[in-house]
Amino acid sequence: GELKEMYDQNVEPWGGVDNILKIHSLSPESLKAHISLYKTVMYGKSPIRRRVSRTMIQRLNGSKVNRFSGGTRCQDEWSPHEKL
């Protein structure tokens, strides 16, 4: 059905579908929205990709985002030697 078609269109090089997509199995509409958002962020012409990527890396590293400096951290809060 519709869900299988969407899965078939999103098979990864390793031959399967990522679990993050599988969680939408009970709601194909949410899967469509997820894929649309992903494609917009990753392949769109907006600078949002850079901001989302930076924020995700900072969160994964456990660092705080300073919203008053455009998403970057102040020098006294961040060292270029922090893990990535």
C-alpha atoms as a PDB file:
ATOM      1  CA  GLY A   1       0.000   0.000   0.000  1.00  0.00           C
ATOM      2  CA  GLU A   2       0.910   3.622   0.485  1.00  0.00           C
ATOM      3  CA  LEU A   3       3.305   2.953   3.381  1.00  0.00           C
ATOM      4  CA  LYS A   4       5.277   0.362   1.391  1.00  0.00           C
ATOM      5  CA  GLU A   5       5.583   2.780  -1.529  1.00  0.00           C
ATOM      6  CA  MET A   6       7.000   5.472   0.771  1.00  0.00           C
ATOM      7  CA  TYR A   7       9.402   2.989   2.349  1.00  0.00           C
ATOM      8  CA  ASP A   8      10.520   1.838  -1.118  1.00  0.00           C
ATOM      9  CA  GLN A   9      11.260   5.461  -2.071  1.00  0.00           C
ATOM     10  CA  ASN A  10      13.387   5.946   1.060  1.00  0.00           C
ATOM     11  CA  VAL A  11      15.575   2.832   1.125  1.00  0.00           C
ATOM     12  CA  GLU A  12      19.080   3.701   2.338  1.00  0.00           C
ATOM     13  CA  PRO A  13      22.278   2.504   0.622  1.00  0.00           C
ATOM     14  CA  TRP A  14      22.596  -0.218   3.268  1.00  0.00           C
ATOM     15  CA  GLY A  15      19.323  -1.711   1.960  1.00  0.00           C
ATOM     16  CA  GLY A  16      16.816  -0.749   4.629  1.00  0.00           C
ATOM     17  CA  VAL A  17      14.684   2.090   5.945  1.00  0.00           C
ATOM     18  CA  ASP A  18      15.895   4.138   8.908  1.00  0.00           C
ATOM     19  CA  ASN A  19      14.083   3.543  12.195  1.00  0.00           C
ATOM     20  CA  ILE A  20      13.297   7.257  12.440  1.00  0.00           C
ATOM     21  CA  LEU A  21      11.021   6.771   9.419  1.00  0.00           C
ATOM     22  CA  LYS A  22       9.562   3.496  10.661  1.00  0.00           C
ATOM     23  CA  ILE A  23       8.136   5.166  13.757  1.00  0.00           C
ATOM     24  CA  HIS A  24       5.600   6.793  11.438  1.00  0.00           C
ATOM     25  CA  SER A  25       4.180   3.430  10.351  1.00  0.00           C
ATOM     26  CA  LEU A  26       0.786   4.094  11.935  1.00  0.00           C
ATOM     27  CA  SER A  27       0.522   7.514  10.336  1.00  0.00           C
ATOM     28  CA  PRO A  28       1.632   7.758   6.698  1.00  0.00           C
ATOM     29  CA  GLU A  29       0.679  11.470   6.773  1.00  0.00           C
ATOM     30  CA  SER A  30       3.278  12.131   9.479  1.00  0.00           C
ATOM     31  CA  LEU A  31       5.838  10.190   7.414  1.00  0.00           C
ATOM     32  CA  LYS A  32       5.112  12.451   4.431  1.00  0.00           C
ATOM     33  CA  ALA A  33       5.544  15.519   6.646  1.00  0.00           C
ATOM     34  CA  HIS A  34       8.802  14.173   8.113  1.00  0.00           C
ATOM     35  CA  ILE A  35      10.273  13.488   4.673  1.00  0.00           C
ATOM     36  CA  SER A  36       9.144  16.881   3.397  1.00  0.00           C
ATOM     37  CA  LEU A  37      10.726  18.690   6.359  1.00  0.00           C
ATOM     38  CA  TYR A  38      13.951  16.707   5.992  1.00  0.00           C
ATOM     39  CA  LYS A  39      14.237  17.484   2.273  1.00  0.00           C
ATOM     40  CA  THR A  40      13.488  21.168   2.860  1.00  0.00           C
ATOM     41  CA  VAL A  41      16.118  21.497   5.588  1.00  0.00           C
ATOM     42  CA  MET A  42      18.813  19.440   3.876  1.00  0.00           C
ATOM     43  CA  TYR A  43      18.342  20.451   0.253  1.00  0.00           C
ATOM     44  CA  GLY A  44      16.469  23.756   0.319  1.00  0.00           C
ATOM     45  CA  LYS A  45      18.024  27.090  -0.557  1.00  0.00           C
ATOM     46  CA  SER A  46      17.545  28.523   2.910  1.00  0.00           C
ATOM     47  CA  PRO A  47      20.334  29.093   5.470  1.00  0.00           C
ATOM     48  CA  ILE A  48      18.226  27.028   7.874  1.00  0.00           C
ATOM     49  CA  ARG A  49      20.296  23.927   7.070  1.00  0.00           C
ATOM     50  CA  ARG A  50      23.416  25.528   8.493  1.00  0.00           C
ATOM     51  CA  ARG A  51      21.580  26.690  11.613  1.00  0.00           C
ATOM     52  CA  VAL A  52      19.868  23.346  12.215  1.00  0.00           C
ATOM     53  CA  SER A  53      23.134  21.458  11.711  1.00  0.00           C
ATOM     54  CA  ARG A  54      25.006  23.772  14.080  1.00  0.00           C
ATOM     55  CA  THR A  55      22.290  23.518  16.724  1.00  0.00           C
ATOM     56  CA  MET A  56      22.157  19.725  16.458  1.00  0.00           C
ATOM     57  CA  ILE A  57      25.932  19.411  16.836  1.00  0.00           C
ATOM     58  CA  GLN A  58      25.913  21.764  19.818  1.00  0.00           C
ATOM     59  CA  ARG A  59      23.101  19.808  21.479  1.00  0.00           C
ATOM     60  CA  LEU A  60      24.823  16.478  20.852  1.00  0.00           C
ATOM     61  CA  ASN A  61      27.971  17.899  22.421  1.00  0.00           C
ATOM     62  CA  GLY A  62      25.986  19.072  25.430  1.00  0.00           C
ATOM     63  CA  SER A  63      26.659  22.741  24.794  1.00  0.00           C
ATOM     64  CA  LYS A  64      24.222  25.595  25.169  1.00  0.00           C
ATOM     65  CA  VAL A  65      23.029  27.763  22.302  1.00  0.00           C
ATOM     66  CA  ASN A  66      23.175  31.488  22.914  1.00  0.00           C
ATOM     67  CA  ARG A  67      20.058  32.788  21.187  1.00  0.00           C
ATOM     68  CA  PHE A  68      21.256  36.390  21.473  1.00  0.00           C
ATOM     69  CA  SER A  69      24.294  35.828  19.261  1.00  0.00           C
ATOM     70  CA  GLY A  70      22.487  34.278  16.316  1.00  0.00           C
ATOM     71  CA  GLY A  71      22.781  30.718  17.590  1.00  0.00           C
ATOM     72  CA  THR A  72      26.507  30.831  18.271  1.00  0.00           C
ATOM     73  CA  ARG A  73      28.075  30.708  21.689  1.00  0.00           C
ATOM     74  CA  CYS A  74      30.055  33.471  23.339  1.00  0.00           C
ATOM     75  CA  GLN A  75      33.834  33.002  23.382  1.00  0.00           C
ATOM     76  CA  ASP A  76      33.922  32.627  27.171  1.00  0.00           C
ATOM     77  CA  GLU A  77      31.418  29.736  26.929  1.00  0.00           C
ATOM     78  CA  TRP A  78      33.043  27.838  24.062  1.00  0.00           C
ATOM     79  CA  SER A  79      36.474  26.548  23.217  1.00  0.00           C
ATOM     80  CA  PRO A  80      37.497  25.550  19.685  1.00  0.00           C
ATOM     81  CA  HIS A  81      38.920  22.416  21.292  1.00  0.00           C
ATOM     82  CA  GLU A  82      35.501  21.096  22.321  1.00  0.00           C
ATOM     83  CA  LYS A  83      34.478  17.756  20.908  1.00  0.00           C
ATOM     84  CA  LEU A  84      32.420  17.617  17.712  1.00  0.00           C
END
